[in-house]
Amino acid sequence: MTSRLHLLLAAACALALIQLASGQSKCDLQEVGSKTANTYEYKPVELTPGQTDWKVAIPPPPPHQCAKVVGTKGLSCDYDVAPSSFFMGSSALMIKRLGETKQTAIVYITAYCL
């Protein structure tokens, strides 16, 4: 009985890891400005379940890490359908979740710096 329980738990853990690894794999990439080798990565932003339209604010990076922003990249990822996104100037990324909103989506923002 105990070995069956261990086998069942191991299978459940393996399934959970596979689902976690696939994660938010449907993505939309938007870029504005120029790319440089010097980048500043913002903390990922989680889009909580239940809401379709989002405005993700992009604050200026710390001056000692990025003297001047010359470009920005936004990668918005969801589980089932890639979101639609566009930049509103350099201070916000607008996102529309197009699929189910039952799970958390995630947004990665990168600033390209001089």
PDB file of N, CA and C in Angstrom:
ATOM      1  N   MET A   1       0.821  -1.196   0.000  1.00  0.00           N
ATOM      2  CA  MET A   1       0.000   0.000   0.000  1.00  0.00           C
ATOM      3  C   MET A   1       0.861   1.254   0.000  1.00  0.00           C
ATOM      4  N   THR A   2       1.897   1.269   0.814  1.00  0.00           N
ATOM      5  CA  THR A   2       2.764   2.435   0.902  1.00  0.00           C
ATOM      6  C   THR A   2       3.494   2.685  -0.416  1.00  0.00           C
ATOM      7  N   SER A   3       3.938   1.623  -1.082  1.00  0.00           N
ATOM      8  CA  SER A   3       4.648   1.818  -2.352  1.00  0.00           C
ATOM      9  C   SER A   3       3.708   2.367  -3.422  1.00  0.00           C
ATOM     10  N   ARG A   4       2.438   1.987  -3.400  1.00  0.00           N
ATOM     11  CA  ARG A   4       1.480   2.540  -4.351  1.00  0.00           C
ATOM     12  C   ARG A   4       1.258   4.026  -4.092  1.00  0.00           C
ATOM     13  N   LEU A   5       1.203   4.393  -2.831  1.00  0.00           N
ATOM     14  CA  LEU A   5       1.038   5.793  -2.467  1.00  0.00           C
ATOM     15  C   LEU A   5       2.239   6.612  -2.939  1.00  0.00           C
ATOM     16  N   HIS A   6       3.450   6.069  -2.749  1.00  0.00           N
ATOM     17  CA  HIS A   6       4.665   6.759  -3.214  1.00  0.00           C
ATOM     18  C   HIS A   6       4.659   6.904  -4.730  1.00  0.00           C
ATOM     19  N   LEU A   7       4.226   5.857  -5.420  1.00  0.00           N
ATOM     20  CA  LEU A   7       4.168   5.903  -6.878  1.00  0.00           C
ATOM     21  C   LEU A   7       3.150   6.942  -7.346  1.00  0.00           C
ATOM     22  N   LEU A   8       2.000   6.988  -6.686  1.00  0.00           N
ATOM     23  CA  LEU A   8       0.978   7.960  -7.019  1.00  0.00           C
ATOM     24  C   LEU A   8       1.467   9.386  -6.773  1.00  0.00           C
ATOM     25  N   LEU A   9       2.132   9.602  -5.647  1.00  0.00           N
ATOM     26  CA  LEU A   9       2.689  10.928  -5.342  1.00  0.00           C
ATOM     27  C   LEU A   9       3.760  11.327  -6.346  1.00  0.00           C
ATOM     28  N   ALA A  10       4.613  10.378  -6.722  1.00  0.00           N
ATOM     29  CA  ALA A  10       5.666  10.665  -7.703  1.00  0.00           C
ATOM     30  C   ALA A  10       5.055  11.037  -9.055  1.00  0.00           C
ATOM     31  N   ALA A  11       4.009  10.323  -9.449  1.00  0.00           N
ATOM     32  CA  ALA A  11       3.345  10.640 -10.721  1.00  0.00           C
ATOM     33  C   ALA A  11       2.692  12.015 -10.679  1.00  0.00           C
ATOM     34  N   ALA A  12       2.067  12.339  -9.563  1.00  0.00           N
ATOM     35  CA  ALA A  12       1.425  13.655  -9.411  1.00  0.00           C
ATOM     36  C   ALA A  12       2.470  14.770  -9.461  1.00  0.00           C
ATOM     37  N   CYS A  13       3.599  14.551  -8.817  1.00  0.00           N
ATOM     38  CA  CYS A  13       4.677  15.552  -8.841  1.00  0.00           C
ATOM     39  C   CYS A  13       5.233  15.728 -10.246  1.00  0.00           C
ATOM     40  N   ALA A  14       5.412  14.621 -10.963  1.00  0.00           N
ATOM     41  CA  ALA A  14       5.924  14.702 -12.335  1.00  0.00           C
ATOM     42  C   ALA A  14       4.965  15.471 -13.227  1.00  0.00           C
ATOM     43  N   LEU A  15       3.671  15.204 -13.081  1.00  0.00           N
ATOM     44  CA  LEU A  15       2.670  15.924 -13.869  1.00  0.00           C
ATOM     45  C   LEU A  15       2.685  17.414 -13.543  1.00  0.00           C
ATOM     46  N   ALA A  16       2.801  17.748 -12.272  1.00  0.00           N
ATOM     47  CA  ALA A  16       2.853  19.156 -11.862  1.00  0.00           C
ATOM     48  C   ALA A  16       4.079  19.850 -12.446  1.00  0.00           C
ATOM     49  N   LEU A  17       5.215  19.173 -12.459  1.00  0.00           N
ATOM     50  CA  LEU A  17       6.440  19.758 -13.028  1.00  0.00           C
ATOM     51  C   LEU A  17       6.305  19.987 -14.528  1.00  0.00           C
ATOM     52  N   ILE A  18       5.674  19.058 -15.224  1.00  0.00           N
ATOM     53  CA  ILE A  18       5.472  19.222 -16.673  1.00  0.00           C
ATOM     54  C   ILE A  18       4.577  20.427 -16.939  1.00  0.00           C
ATOM     55  N   GLN A  19       3.495  20.562 -16.170  1.00  0.00           N
ATOM     56  CA  GLN A  19       2.612  21.708 -16.350  1.00  0.00           C
ATOM     57  C   GLN A  19       3.320  23.005 -16.005  1.00  0.00           C
ATOM     58  N   LEU A  20       4.121  22.994 -14.960  1.00  0.00           N
ATOM     59  CA  LEU A  20       4.858  24.189 -14.559  1.00  0.00           C
ATOM     60  C   LEU A  20       5.871  24.576 -15.624  1.00  0.00           C
ATOM     61  N   ALA A  21       6.549  23.573 -16.201  1.00  0.00           N
ATOM     62  CA  ALA A  21       7.568  23.848 -17.218  1.00  0.00           C
ATOM     63  C   ALA A  21       6.944  24.443 -18.475  1.00  0.00           C
ATOM     64  N   SER A  22       5.740  23.975 -18.845  1.00  0.00           N
ATOM     65  CA  SER A  22       5.112  24.524 -20.046  1.00  0.00           C
ATOM     66  C   SER A  22       4.635  25.942 -19.786  1.00  0.00           C
ATOM     67  N   GLY A  23       4.132  26.209 -18.598  1.00  0.00           N
ATOM     68  CA  GLY A  23       3.793  27.537 -18.126  1.00  0.00           C
ATOM     69  C   GLY A  23       3.172  28.459 -19.153  1.00  0.00           C
ATOM     70  N   GLN A  24       3.549  29.704 -19.058  1.00  0.00           N
ATOM     71  CA  GLN A  24       3.027  30.737 -19.951  1.00  0.00           C
ATOM     72  C   GLN A  24       3.868  30.748 -21.229  1.00  0.00           C
ATOM     73  N   SER A  25       3.523  29.874 -22.150  1.00  0.00           N
ATOM     74  CA  SER A  25       4.363  29.695 -23.337  1.00  0.00           C
ATOM     75  C   SER A  25       3.848  30.407 -24.587  1.00  0.00           C
ATOM     76  N   LYS A  26       2.677  31.005 -24.517  1.00  0.00           N
ATOM     77  CA  LYS A  26       2.122  31.742 -25.664  1.00  0.00           C
ATOM     78  C   LYS A  26       2.414  33.225 -25.438  1.00  0.00           C
ATOM     79  N   CYS A  27       3.314  33.770 -26.244  1.00  0.00           N
ATOM     80  CA  CYS A  27       3.833  35.114 -25.958  1.00  0.00           C
ATOM     81  C   CYS A  27       3.673  36.091 -27.121  1.00  0.00           C
ATOM     82  N   ASP A  28       3.656  37.362 -26.761  1.00  0.00           N
ATOM     83  CA  ASP A  28       3.635  38.473 -27.709  1.00  0.00           C
ATOM     84  C   ASP A  28       4.829  39.365 -27.391  1.00  0.00           C
ATOM     85  N   LEU A  29       5.643  39.664 -28.389  1.00  0.00           N
ATOM     86  CA  LEU A  29       6.833  40.486 -28.201  1.00  0.00           C
ATOM     87  C   LEU A  29       6.638  41.836 -28.873  1.00  0.00           C
ATOM     88  N   GLN A  30       6.888  42.898 -28.133  1.00  0.00           N
ATOM     89  CA  GLN A  30       6.847  44.258 -28.669  1.00  0.00           C
ATOM     90  C   GLN A  30       8.168  44.942 -28.339  1.00  0.00           C
ATOM     91  N   GLU A  31       8.695  45.705 -29.281  1.00  0.00           N
ATOM     92  CA  GLU A  31       9.944  46.444 -29.060  1.00  0.00           C
ATOM     93  C   GLU A  31       9.817  47.842 -29.650  1.00  0.00           C
ATOM     94  N   VAL A  32      10.389  48.802 -28.963  1.00  0.00           N
ATOM     95  CA  VAL A  32      10.476  50.169 -29.474  1.00  0.00           C
ATOM     96  C   VAL A  32      11.892  50.675 -29.253  1.00  0.00           C
ATOM     97  N   GLY A  33      12.332  51.555 -30.135  1.00  0.00           N
ATOM     98  CA  GLY A  33      13.651  52.153 -29.985  1.00  0.00           C
ATOM     99  C   GLY A  33      14.766  51.235 -30.441  1.00  0.00           C
ATOM    100  N   SER A  34      15.959  51.497 -29.910  1.00  0.00           N
ATOM    101  CA  SER A  34      17.165  50.769 -30.305  1.00  0.00           C
ATOM    102  C   SER A  34      17.533  49.704 -29.283  1.00  0.00           C
ATOM    103  N   LYS A  35      18.207  48.669 -29.778  1.00  0.00           N
ATOM    104  CA  LYS A  35      18.732  47.629 -28.895  1.00  0.00           C
ATOM    105  C   LYS A  35      20.197  47.924 -28.613  1.00  0.00           C
ATOM    106  N   THR A  36      20.609  47.661 -27.372  1.00  0.00           N
ATOM    107  CA  THR A  36      22.009  47.788 -26.996  1.00  0.00           C
ATOM    108  C   THR A  36      22.390  46.567 -26.170  1.00  0.00           C
ATOM    109  N   ALA A  37      23.674  46.395 -25.955  1.00  0.00           N
ATOM    110  CA  ALA A  37      24.149  45.275 -25.139  1.00  0.00           C
ATOM    111  C   ALA A  37      23.896  45.530 -23.660  1.00  0.00           C
ATOM    112  N   ASN A  38      23.808  46.786 -23.280  1.00  0.00           N
ATOM    113  CA  ASN A  38      23.581  47.145 -21.880  1.00  0.00           C
ATOM    114  C   ASN A  38      22.072  47.143 -21.617  1.00  0.00           C
ATOM    115  N   THR A  39      21.608  46.216 -20.779  1.00  0.00           N
ATOM    116  CA  THR A  39      20.172  46.101 -20.527  1.00  0.00           C
ATOM    117  C   THR A  39      19.866  46.197 -19.034  1.00  0.00           C
ATOM    118  N   TYR A  40      18.643  46.599 -18.760  1.00  0.00           N
ATOM    119  CA  TYR A  40      18.122  46.588 -17.394  1.00  0.00           C
ATOM    120  C   TYR A  40      16.845  45.753 -17.419  1.00  0.00           C
ATOM    121  N   GLU A  41      16.842  44.669 -16.650  1.00  0.00           N
ATOM    122  CA  GLU A  41      15.690  43.768 -16.592  1.00  0.00           C
ATOM    123  C   GLU A  41      14.823  44.152 -15.398  1.00  0.00           C
ATOM    124  N   TYR A  42      13.568  44.495 -15.678  1.00  0.00           N
ATOM    125  CA  TYR A  42      12.628  44.778 -14.597  1.00  0.00           C
ATOM    126  C   TYR A  42      12.158  43.459 -13.983  1.00  0.00           C
ATOM    127  N   LYS A  43      11.662  43.554 -12.778  1.00  0.00           N
ATOM    128  CA  LYS A  43      11.058  42.401 -12.128  1.00  0.00           C
ATOM    129  C   LYS A  43       9.837  41.978 -12.944  1.00  0.00           C
ATOM    130  N   PRO A  44       9.641  40.667 -13.192  1.00  0.00           N
ATOM    131  CA  PRO A  44       8.453  40.241 -13.945  1.00  0.00           C
ATOM    132  C   PRO A  44       7.162  40.700 -13.258  1.00  0.00           C
ATOM    133  N   VAL A  45       6.184  41.055 -14.081  1.00  0.00           N
ATOM    134  CA  VAL A  45       4.887  41.510 -13.576  1.00  0.00           C
ATOM    135  C   VAL A  45       3.876  40.392 -13.797  1.00  0.00           C
ATOM    136  N   GLU A  46       3.205  39.982 -12.732  1.00  0.00           N
ATOM    137  CA  GLU A  46       2.170  38.957 -12.844  1.00  0.00           C
ATOM    138  C   GLU A  46       0.815  39.618 -13.086  1.00  0.00           C
ATOM    139  N   LEU A  47       0.101  39.108 -14.094  1.00  0.00           N
ATOM    140  CA  LEU A  47      -1.250  39.568 -14.376  1.00  0.00           C
ATOM    141  C   LEU A  47      -2.207  38.554 -13.763  1.00  0.00           C
ATOM    142  N   THR A  48      -2.892  38.957 -12.729  1.00  0.00           N
ATOM    143  CA  THR A  48      -3.733  38.039 -11.975  1.00  0.00           C
ATOM    144  C   THR A  48      -4.949  37.590 -12.783  1.00  0.00           C
ATOM    145  N   PRO A  49      -5.486  36.442 -12.443  1.00  0.00           N
ATOM    146  CA  PRO A  49      -6.643  35.909 -13.167  1.00  0.00           C
ATOM    147  C   PRO A  49      -7.861  36.835 -13.099  1.00  0.00           C
ATOM    148  N   GLY A  50      -8.703  36.708 -14.129  1.00  0.00           N
ATOM    149  CA  GLY A  50      -9.990  37.389 -14.124  1.00  0.00           C
ATOM    150  C   GLY A  50     -10.061  38.719 -14.848  1.00  0.00           C
ATOM    151  N   GLN A  51      -8.941  39.334 -15.145  1.00  0.00           N
ATOM    152  CA  GLN A  51      -8.948  40.643 -15.799  1.00  0.00           C
ATOM    153  C   GLN A  51      -8.349  40.506 -17.196  1.00  0.00           C
ATOM    154  N   THR A  52      -8.974  41.129 -18.202  1.00  0.00           N
ATOM    155  CA  THR A  52      -8.476  41.016 -19.574  1.00  0.00           C
ATOM    156  C   THR A  52      -7.592  42.175 -20.002  1.00  0.00           C
ATOM    157  N   ASP A  53      -7.876  43.386 -19.561  1.00  0.00           N
ATOM    158  CA  ASP A  53      -7.119  44.568 -20.005  1.00  0.00           C
ATOM    159  C   ASP A  53      -6.211  45.074 -18.897  1.00  0.00           C
ATOM    160  N   TRP A  54      -4.949  45.321 -19.268  1.00  0.00           N
ATOM    161  CA  TRP A  54      -3.943  45.743 -18.295  1.00  0.00           C
ATOM    162  C   TRP A  54      -3.115  46.898 -18.833  1.00  0.00           C
ATOM    163  N   LYS A  55      -2.705  47.754 -17.935  1.00  0.00           N
ATOM    164  CA  LYS A  55      -1.724  48.795 -18.232  1.00  0.00           C
ATOM    165  C   LYS A  55      -0.566  48.574 -17.264  1.00  0.00           C
ATOM    166  N   VAL A  56       0.579  48.156 -17.815  1.00  0.00           N
ATOM    167  CA  VAL A  56       1.754  47.889 -16.997  1.00  0.00           C
ATOM    168  C   VAL A  56       2.658  49.113 -17.060  1.00  0.00           C
ATOM    169  N   ALA A  57       2.793  49.786 -15.935  1.00  0.00           N
ATOM    170  CA  ALA A  57       3.642  50.983 -15.858  1.00  0.00           C
ATOM    171  C   ALA A  57       5.110  50.580 -15.946  1.00  0.00           C
ATOM    172  N   ILE A  58       5.883  51.402 -16.657  1.00  0.00           N
ATOM    173  CA  ILE A  58       7.326  51.167 -16.802  1.00  0.00           C
ATOM    174  C   ILE A  58       8.043  52.371 -16.211  1.00  0.00           C
ATOM    175  N   PRO A  59       8.486  52.277 -14.963  1.00  0.00           N
ATOM    176  CA  PRO A  59       9.192  53.402 -14.361  1.00  0.00           C
ATOM    177  C   PRO A  59      10.608  53.521 -14.935  1.00  0.00           C
ATOM    178  N   PRO A  60      11.227  54.683 -14.811  1.00  0.00           N
ATOM    179  CA  PRO A  60      12.612  54.800 -15.254  1.00  0.00           C
ATOM    180  C   PRO A  60      13.505  53.866 -14.442  1.00  0.00           C
ATOM    181  N   PRO A  61      14.490  53.233 -15.083  1.00  0.00           N
ATOM    182  CA  PRO A  61      15.422  52.391 -14.326  1.00  0.00           C
ATOM    183  C   PRO A  61      16.289  53.250 -13.398  1.00  0.00           C
ATOM    184  N   PRO A  62      16.914  52.639 -12.410  1.00  0.00           N
ATOM    185  CA  PRO A  62      17.829  53.396 -11.551  1.00  0.00           C
ATOM    186  C   PRO A  62      18.946  54.026 -12.389  1.00  0.00           C
ATOM    187  N   PRO A  63      19.223  55.326 -12.204  1.00  0.00           N
ATOM    188  CA  PRO A  63      20.218  56.017 -13.043  1.00  0.00           C
ATOM    189  C   PRO A  63      21.610  55.387 -13.002  1.00  0.00           C
ATOM    190  N   HIS A  64      21.981  54.808 -11.864  1.00  0.00           N
ATOM    191  CA  HIS A  64      23.323  54.211 -11.775  1.00  0.00           C
ATOM    192  C   HIS A  64      23.409  52.890 -12.552  1.00  0.00           C
ATOM    193  N   GLN A  65      22.253  52.319 -12.948  1.00  0.00           N
ATOM    194  CA  GLN A  65      22.259  51.094 -13.728  1.00  0.00           C
ATOM    195  C   GLN A  65      21.912  51.337 -15.195  1.00  0.00           C
ATOM    196  N   CYS A  66      21.313  52.488 -15.476  1.00  0.00           N
ATOM    197  CA  CYS A  66      20.902  52.791 -16.843  1.00  0.00           C
ATOM    198  C   CYS A  66      20.842  54.311 -16.980  1.00  0.00           C
ATOM    199  N   ALA A  67      21.899  54.891 -17.521  1.00  0.00           N
ATOM    200  CA  ALA A  67      21.973  56.352 -17.617  1.00  0.00           C
ATOM    201  C   ALA A  67      20.921  56.929 -18.561  1.00  0.00           C
ATOM    202  N   LYS A  68      20.692  56.231 -19.686  1.00  0.00           N
ATOM    203  CA  LYS A  68      19.721  56.722 -20.664  1.00  0.00           C
ATOM    204  C   LYS A  68      19.071  55.532 -21.358  1.00  0.00           C
ATOM    205  N   VAL A  69      17.744  55.498 -21.358  1.00  0.00           N
ATOM    206  CA  VAL A  69      16.998  54.437 -22.042  1.00  0.00           C
ATOM    207  C   VAL A  69      16.854  54.808 -23.517  1.00  0.00           C
ATOM    208  N   VAL A  70      17.275  53.891 -24.401  1.00  0.00           N
ATOM    209  CA  VAL A  70      17.175  54.137 -25.839  1.00  0.00           C
ATOM    210  C   VAL A  70      16.208  53.164 -26.522  1.00  0.00           C
ATOM    211  N   GLY A  71      15.736  52.174 -25.778  1.00  0.00           N
ATOM    212  CA  GLY A  71      14.787  51.210 -26.326  1.00  0.00           C
ATOM    213  C   GLY A  71      14.167  50.389 -25.213  1.00  0.00           C
ATOM    214  N   THR A  72      13.037  49.764 -25.524  1.00  0.00           N
ATOM    215  CA  THR A  72      12.343  48.951 -24.533  1.00  0.00           C
ATOM    216  C   THR A  72      11.741  47.731 -25.220  1.00  0.00           C
ATOM    217  N   LYS A  73      11.771  46.604 -24.506  1.00  0.00           N
ATOM    218  CA  LYS A  73      11.178  45.363 -24.995  1.00  0.00           C
ATOM    219  C   LYS A  73      10.153  44.892 -23.977  1.00  0.00           C
ATOM    220  N   GLY A  74       8.987  44.472 -24.467  1.00  0.00           N
ATOM    221  CA  GLY A  74       7.956  43.908 -23.610  1.00  0.00           C
ATOM    222  C   GLY A  74       7.554  42.539 -24.126  1.00  0.00           C
ATOM    223  N   LEU A  75       7.635  41.540 -23.276  1.00  0.00           N
ATOM    224  CA  LEU A  75       7.251  40.178 -23.629  1.00  0.00           C
ATOM    225  C   LEU A  75       6.102  39.775 -22.712  1.00  0.00           C
ATOM    226  N   SER A  76       4.904  39.617 -23.285  1.00  0.00           N
ATOM    227  CA  SER A  76       3.701  39.262 -22.522  1.00  0.00           C
ATOM    228  C   SER A  76       3.362  37.811 -22.825  1.00  0.00           C
ATOM    229  N   CYS A  77       3.241  36.990 -21.783  1.00  0.00           N
ATOM    230  CA  CYS A  77       3.019  35.559 -21.982  1.00  0.00           C
ATOM    231  C   CYS A  77       1.826  35.065 -21.179  1.00  0.00           C
ATOM    232  N   ASP A  78       1.070  34.153 -21.798  1.00  0.00           N
ATOM    233  CA  ASP A  78      -0.104  33.565 -21.163  1.00  0.00           C
ATOM    234  C   ASP A  78      -0.098  32.066 -21.447  1.00  0.00           C
ATOM    235  N   TYR A  79      -1.023  31.346 -20.841  1.00  0.00           N
ATOM    236  CA  TYR A  79      -1.055  29.893 -20.947  1.00  0.00           C
ATOM    237  C   TYR A  79      -1.658  29.363 -22.242  1.00  0.00           C
ATOM    238  N   ASP A  80      -2.721  29.989 -22.719  1.00  0.00           N
ATOM    239  CA  ASP A  80      -3.450  29.380 -23.828  1.00  0.00           C
ATOM    240  C   ASP A  80      -3.374  30.154 -25.144  1.00  0.00           C
ATOM    241  N   VAL A  81      -3.425  31.472 -25.074  1.00  0.00           N
ATOM    242  CA  VAL A  81      -3.393  32.322 -26.266  1.00  0.00           C
ATOM    243  C   VAL A  81      -2.465  33.501 -25.984  1.00  0.00           C
ATOM    244  N   ALA A  82      -1.617  33.839 -26.943  1.00  0.00           N
ATOM    245  CA  ALA A  82      -0.723  34.983 -26.762  1.00  0.00           C
ATOM    246  C   ALA A  82      -1.545  36.262 -26.602  1.00  0.00           C
ATOM    247  N   PRO A  83      -1.203  37.088 -25.615  1.00  0.00           N
ATOM    248  CA  PRO A  83      -1.901  38.370 -25.460  1.00  0.00           C
ATOM    249  C   PRO A  83      -1.569  39.307 -26.623  1.00  0.00           C
ATOM    250  N   SER A  84      -2.319  40.373 -26.729  1.00  0.00           N
ATOM    251  CA  SER A  84      -2.028  41.440 -27.667  1.00  0.00           C
ATOM    252  C   SER A  84      -1.484  42.601 -26.845  1.00  0.00           C
ATOM    253  N   SER A  85      -0.396  43.216 -27.305  1.00  0.00           N
ATOM    254  CA  SER A  85       0.186  44.300 -26.512  1.00  0.00           C
ATOM    255  C   SER A  85       0.754  45.394 -27.410  1.00  0.00           C
ATOM    256  N   PHE A  86       0.866  46.595 -26.835  1.00  0.00           N
ATOM    257  CA  PHE A  86       1.503  47.711 -27.532  1.00  0.00           C
ATOM    258  C   PHE A  86       1.999  48.710 -26.483  1.00  0.00           C
ATOM    259  N   PHE A  87       3.041  49.457 -26.857  1.00  0.00           N
ATOM    260  CA  PHE A  87       3.588  50.472 -25.960  1.00  0.00           C
ATOM    261  C   PHE A  87       2.798  51.764 -26.071  1.00  0.00           C
ATOM    262  N   MET A  88       2.558  52.392 -24.934  1.00  0.00           N
ATOM    263  CA  MET A  88       2.018  53.753 -24.869  1.00  0.00           C
ATOM    264  C   MET A  88       3.192  54.636 -24.488  1.00  0.00           C
ATOM    265  N   GLY A  89       3.850  55.169 -25.472  1.00  0.00           N
ATOM    266  CA  GLY A  89       5.064  55.930 -25.200  1.00  0.00           C
ATOM    267  C   GLY A  89       6.114  55.012 -24.595  1.00  0.00           C
ATOM    268  N   SER A  90       6.908  55.543 -23.701  1.00  0.00           N
ATOM    269  CA  SER A  90       7.946  54.733 -23.062  1.00  0.00           C
ATOM    270  C   SER A  90       7.600  54.401 -21.610  1.00  0.00           C
ATOM    271  N   SER A  91       6.410  54.812 -21.166  1.00  0.00           N
ATOM    272  CA  SER A  91       6.104  54.645 -19.748  1.00  0.00           C
ATOM    273  C   SER A  91       5.077  53.558 -19.436  1.00  0.00           C
ATOM    274  N   ALA A  92       4.511  52.899 -20.465  1.00  0.00           N
ATOM    275  CA  ALA A  92       3.507  51.864 -20.182  1.00  0.00           C
ATOM    276  C   ALA A  92       3.387  50.882 -21.346  1.00  0.00           C
ATOM    277  N   LEU A  93       3.056  49.647 -20.997  1.00  0.00           N
ATOM    278  CA  LEU A  93       2.750  48.612 -21.971  1.00  0.00           C
ATOM    279  C   LEU A  93       1.293  48.207 -21.751  1.00  0.00           C
ATOM    280  N   MET A  94       0.481  48.347 -22.792  1.00  0.00           N
ATOM    281  CA  MET A  94      -0.924  47.977 -22.721  1.00  0.00           C
ATOM    282  C   MET A  94      -1.063  46.528 -23.177  1.00  0.00           C
ATOM    283  N   ILE A  95      -1.815  45.740 -22.407  1.00  0.00           N
ATOM    284  CA  ILE A  95      -1.952  44.315 -22.697  1.00  0.00           C
ATOM    285  C   ILE A  95      -3.424  43.927 -22.674  1.00  0.00           C
ATOM    286  N   LYS A  96      -3.803  43.137 -23.659  1.00  0.00           N
ATOM    287  CA  LYS A  96      -5.148  42.552 -23.687  1.00  0.00           C
ATOM    288  C   LYS A  96      -4.988  41.036 -23.734  1.00  0.00           C
ATOM    289  N   ARG A  97      -5.509  40.381 -22.702  1.00  0.00           N
ATOM    290  CA  ARG A  97      -5.479  38.918 -22.661  1.00  0.00           C
ATOM    291  C   ARG A  97      -6.604  38.402 -23.554  1.00  0.00           C
ATOM    292  N   LEU A  98      -6.273  37.570 -24.537  1.00  0.00           N
ATOM    293  CA  LEU A  98      -7.229  37.135 -25.543  1.00  0.00           C
ATOM    294  C   LEU A  98      -7.850  35.771 -25.269  1.00  0.00           C
ATOM    295  N   GLY A  99      -7.264  35.013 -24.381  1.00  0.00           N
ATOM    296  CA  GLY A  99      -7.789  33.683 -24.076  1.00  0.00           C
ATOM    297  C   GLY A  99      -8.462  33.658 -22.717  1.00  0.00           C
ATOM    298  N   GLU A 100      -8.451  32.494 -22.115  1.00  0.00           N
ATOM    299  CA  GLU A 100      -8.998  32.333 -20.772  1.00  0.00           C
ATOM    300  C   GLU A 100      -8.180  33.169 -19.794  1.00  0.00           C
ATOM    301  N   THR A 101      -8.825  33.676 -18.791  1.00  0.00           N
ATOM    302  CA  THR A 101      -8.097  34.466 -17.783  1.00  0.00           C
ATOM    303  C   THR A 101      -8.178  33.789 -16.418  1.00  0.00           C
ATOM    304  N   LYS A 102      -8.207  32.462 -16.433  1.00  0.00           N
ATOM    305  CA  LYS A 102      -8.319  31.710 -15.187  1.00  0.00           C
ATOM    306  C   LYS A 102      -6.992  31.543 -14.477  1.00  0.00           C
ATOM    307  N   GLN A 103      -5.886  31.757 -15.196  1.00  0.00           N
ATOM    308  CA  GLN A 103      -4.564  31.598 -14.600  1.00  0.00           C
ATOM    309  C   GLN A 103      -3.784  32.905 -14.731  1.00  0.00           C
ATOM    310  N   THR A 104      -2.676  32.962 -14.045  1.00  0.00           N
ATOM    311  CA  THR A 104      -1.821  34.143 -14.050  1.00  0.00           C
ATOM    312  C   THR A 104      -1.021  34.210 -15.354  1.00  0.00           C
ATOM    313  N   ALA A 105      -0.982  35.381 -15.959  1.00  0.00           N
ATOM    314  CA  ALA A 105      -0.105  35.643 -17.102  1.00  0.00           C
ATOM    315  C   ALA A 105       1.105  36.410 -16.557  1.00  0.00           C
ATOM    316  N   ILE A 106       2.136  36.576 -17.384  1.00  0.00           N
ATOM    317  CA  ILE A 106       3.345  37.256 -16.909  1.00  0.00           C
ATOM    318  C   ILE A 106       3.896  38.172 -17.996  1.00  0.00           C
ATOM    319  N   VAL A 107       4.492  39.274 -17.551  1.00  0.00           N
ATOM    320  CA  VAL A 107       5.064  40.258 -18.470  1.00  0.00           C
ATOM    321  C   VAL A 107       6.513  40.507 -18.065  1.00  0.00           C
ATOM    322  N   TYR A 108       7.398  40.446 -19.056  1.00  0.00           N
ATOM    323  CA  TYR A 108       8.822  40.730 -18.850  1.00  0.00           C
ATOM    324  C   TYR A 108       9.149  42.017 -19.593  1.00  0.00           C
ATOM    325  N   ILE A 109       9.739  42.978 -18.886  1.00  0.00           N
ATOM    326  CA  ILE A 109      10.130  44.253 -19.500  1.00  0.00           C
ATOM    327  C   ILE A 109      11.651  44.386 -19.420  1.00  0.00           C
ATOM    328  N   THR A 110      12.238  44.803 -20.533  1.00  0.00           N
ATOM    329  CA  THR A 110      13.679  45.047 -20.600  1.00  0.00           C
ATOM    330  C   THR A 110      13.909  46.447 -21.152  1.00  0.00           C
ATOM    331  N   ALA A 111      14.750  47.216 -20.497  1.00  0.00           N
ATOM    332  CA  ALA A 111      15.168  48.528 -21.014  1.00  0.00           C
ATOM    333  C   ALA A 111      16.545  48.371 -21.638  1.00  0.00           C
ATOM    334  N   TYR A 112      16.722  48.963 -22.819  1.00  0.00           N
ATOM    335  CA  TYR A 112      18.036  49.005 -23.468  1.00  0.00           C
ATOM    336  C   TYR A 112      18.649  50.367 -23.136  1.00  0.00           C
ATOM    337  N   CYS A 113      19.866  50.329 -22.613  1.00  0.00           N
ATOM    338  CA  CYS A 113      20.488  51.539 -22.039  1.00  0.00           C
ATOM    339  C   CYS A 113      21.796  51.913 -22.730  1.00  0.00           C
ATOM    340  N   LEU A 114      22.126  53.199 -22.587  1.00  0.00           N
ATOM    341  CA  LEU A 114      23.458  53.690 -22.990  1.00  0.00           C
ATOM    342  C   LEU A 114      24.283  53.867 -21.742  1.00  0.00           C
TER     343      LEU A 114
END
